Amino acid sequence: MSAELHKQFTPYAPKKNEEYMNTLQLAHFRKILEDWKGELSQDIDRTVHTMQDEATIFADPNDRASQESDMALELRNRDRERKLIKKIDETIGKIEAEDYGYCESCGVEIGLKRLEARPTATLCIDCKTLEELREKQVAK
């Protein structure tokens, strides 16, 4: 999540004995996800317009190569953002199904602080740590 967007929302302050993933918490995370998605969509639109405006044919091969390299990098970034938008949509679907905030692996609560840091998290910190350890072992 961008630092700019992260500054915009106030962290959720649960009340004593408040039920985990109640209506207020779900609404809080839905707002975060929808704002994030909106910001990403604007970035993608801005990039498309910028690339259309800057589509210049340079006579100098070095300038042309530099422009193509910049565009390729920008397109990779936007593709990553499109995939993130898809993940955000899937997460919003979990909120709608009231299945948000619980680990897909073990079923425990992911936790409000972890979800605020990474609203699309699907694993609790313990399961995520184990997954990363397995990935490191396979990579060796």
Protein backbone atom coordinates (compact mmCIF):
# COMPACT_ATOMS: atom_id res chain seq x y z
CA MET A 1 0.00 0.00 0.00
CA SER A 2 1.39 3.41 -0.87
CA ALA A 3 2.71 5.51 1.99
CA GLU A 4 0.44 8.36 0.88
CA LEU A 5 -2.70 6.22 1.17
CA HIS A 6 -1.50 4.70 4.45
CA LYS A 7 -1.32 8.22 5.96
CA GLN A 8 -4.90 8.98 4.85
CA PHE A 9 -6.69 6.46 7.04
CA THR A 10 -6.91 6.35 10.78
CA PRO A 11 -5.97 2.98 12.27
CA TYR A 12 -8.93 1.11 13.66
CA ALA A 13 -9.14 1.36 17.45
CA PRO A 14 -11.11 -1.64 18.72
CA LYS A 15 -13.23 -1.18 21.80
CA LYS A 16 -12.81 -3.47 24.78
CA ASN A 17 -14.45 -6.89 24.20
CA GLU A 18 -15.34 -5.94 20.62
CA GLU A 19 -16.03 -8.89 18.34
CA TYR A 20 -13.33 -9.54 15.73
CA MET A 21 -14.34 -8.63 12.16
CA ASN A 22 -17.60 -7.02 13.17
CA THR A 23 -19.52 -4.73 10.81
CA LEU A 24 -17.45 -1.64 11.72
CA GLN A 25 -14.14 -3.44 11.17
CA LEU A 26 -15.29 -4.89 7.85
CA ALA A 27 -16.44 -1.43 6.71
CA HIS A 28 -13.08 0.04 7.79
CA PHE A 29 -11.09 -2.46 5.72
CA ARG A 30 -13.46 -2.22 2.75
CA LYS A 31 -12.86 1.56 2.69
CA ILE A 32 -9.09 1.07 2.81
CA LEU A 33 -9.23 -1.47 -0.03
CA GLU A 34 -11.56 0.62 -2.20
CA ASP A 35 -9.42 3.76 -1.72
CA TRP A 36 -6.29 1.78 -2.57
CA LYS A 37 -7.94 0.34 -5.66
CA GLY A 38 -9.03 3.83 -6.73
CA GLU A 39 -5.50 5.17 -6.32
CA LEU A 40 -4.04 2.29 -8.37
CA SER A 41 -6.66 2.76 -11.11
CA GLN A 42 -5.83 6.45 -11.34
CA ASP A 43 -2.12 5.62 -11.63
CA ILE A 44 -2.84 3.19 -14.47
CA ASP A 45 -5.01 5.73 -16.30
CA ARG A 46 -2.40 8.45 -15.83
CA THR A 47 0.30 6.17 -17.23
CA VAL A 48 -1.76 5.33 -20.31
CA HIS A 49 -2.37 9.02 -21.03
CA THR A 50 1.27 9.91 -20.40
CA MET A 51 2.51 7.15 -22.69
CA GLN A 52 0.13 8.28 -25.42
CA ASP A 53 1.29 11.89 -25.04
CA GLU A 54 4.98 10.96 -24.98
CA ALA A 55 4.87 8.48 -27.87
CA THR A 56 7.52 10.25 -29.89
CA ILE A 57 9.68 8.70 -32.56
CA PHE A 58 13.25 9.69 -31.85
CA ALA A 59 15.72 9.80 -34.70
CA ASP A 60 18.59 8.96 -32.37
CA PRO A 61 18.69 5.19 -31.66
CA ASN A 62 19.94 5.79 -28.11
CA ASP A 63 17.03 8.11 -27.31
CA ARG A 64 14.58 5.63 -28.82
CA ALA A 65 16.09 2.75 -26.84
CA SER A 66 15.93 4.77 -23.64
CA GLN A 67 12.29 5.65 -24.26
CA GLU A 68 11.41 2.02 -25.01
CA SER A 69 13.19 0.88 -21.86
CA ASP A 70 11.31 3.45 -19.78
CA MET A 71 8.00 2.38 -21.31
CA ALA A 72 8.73 -1.31 -20.71
CA LEU A 73 9.51 -0.62 -17.05
CA GLU A 74 6.34 1.46 -16.70
CA LEU A 75 4.24 -1.28 -18.31
CA ARG A 76 5.70 -3.91 -15.95
CA ASN A 77 4.81 -1.69 -12.99
CA ARG A 78 1.28 -1.17 -14.27
CA ASP A 79 0.88 -4.91 -14.88
CA ARG A 80 1.89 -5.51 -11.26
CA GLU A 81 -0.70 -2.93 -10.20
CA ARG A 82 -3.40 -4.62 -12.32
CA LYS A 83 -2.63 -7.91 -10.55
CA LEU A 84 -2.85 -6.11 -7.21
CA ILE A 85 -6.24 -4.66 -8.19
CA LYS A 86 -7.40 -8.21 -8.90
CA LYS A 87 -6.19 -9.29 -5.45
CA ILE A 88 -7.96 -6.28 -3.89
CA ASP A 89 -11.18 -7.30 -5.68
CA GLU A 90 -10.80 -10.85 -4.33
CA THR A 91 -10.26 -9.45 -0.84
CA ILE A 92 -13.38 -7.26 -1.11
CA GLY A 93 -15.21 -10.44 -2.12
CA LYS A 94 -14.02 -12.06 1.12
CA ILE A 95 -15.38 -9.09 3.07
CA GLU A 96 -18.74 -9.50 1.32
CA ALA A 97 -18.71 -13.23 2.14
CA GLU A 98 -17.77 -12.37 5.74
CA ASP A 99 -14.68 -14.54 5.35
CA TYR A 100 -12.15 -11.71 5.73
CA GLY A 101 -9.51 -11.52 8.42
CA TYR A 102 -8.98 -15.23 8.99
CA CYS A 103 -5.95 -17.25 7.94
CA GLU A 104 -6.56 -19.42 4.87
CA SER A 105 -4.17 -22.03 6.21
CA CYS A 106 -5.04 -22.49 9.89
CA GLY A 107 -8.20 -20.41 10.34
CA VAL A 108 -7.01 -18.17 13.17
CA GLU A 109 -7.51 -14.41 13.24
CA ILE A 110 -4.93 -12.60 11.12
CA GLY A 111 -5.13 -9.56 13.39
CA LEU A 112 -6.09 -5.93 12.89
CA LYS A 113 -2.55 -4.54 12.90
CA ARG A 114 -1.34 -7.00 10.28
CA LEU A 115 -4.38 -6.31 8.10
CA GLU A 116 -3.83 -2.57 8.36
CA ALA A 117 -0.23 -3.03 7.27
CA ARG A 118 -1.25 -5.45 4.50
CA PRO A 119 -5.02 -5.37 3.88
CA THR A 120 -4.83 -8.20 1.33
CA ALA A 121 -3.09 -10.60 3.73
CA THR A 122 -4.54 -14.10 3.63
CA LEU A 123 -2.22 -15.80 6.13
CA CYS A 124 -1.56 -15.15 9.81
CA ILE A 125 2.00 -14.16 10.64
CA ASP A 126 2.93 -17.69 11.79
CA CYS A 127 1.71 -19.37 8.60
CA LYS A 128 3.32 -16.66 6.45
CA THR A 129 6.64 -17.16 8.25
CA LEU A 130 6.45 -20.92 7.66
CA GLU A 131 5.60 -20.35 3.98
CA GLU A 132 8.63 -18.06 3.56
CA LEU A 133 10.90 -20.60 5.27
CA ARG A 134 9.66 -23.32 2.89
CA GLU A 135 10.27 -21.03 -0.10
CA LYS A 136 13.84 -20.40 1.06
CA GLN A 137 14.48 -24.14 1.45
CA VAL A 138 13.14 -24.87 -2.05
CA ALA A 139 15.21 -22.03 -3.55
CA LYS A 140 18.47 -23.54 -2.23
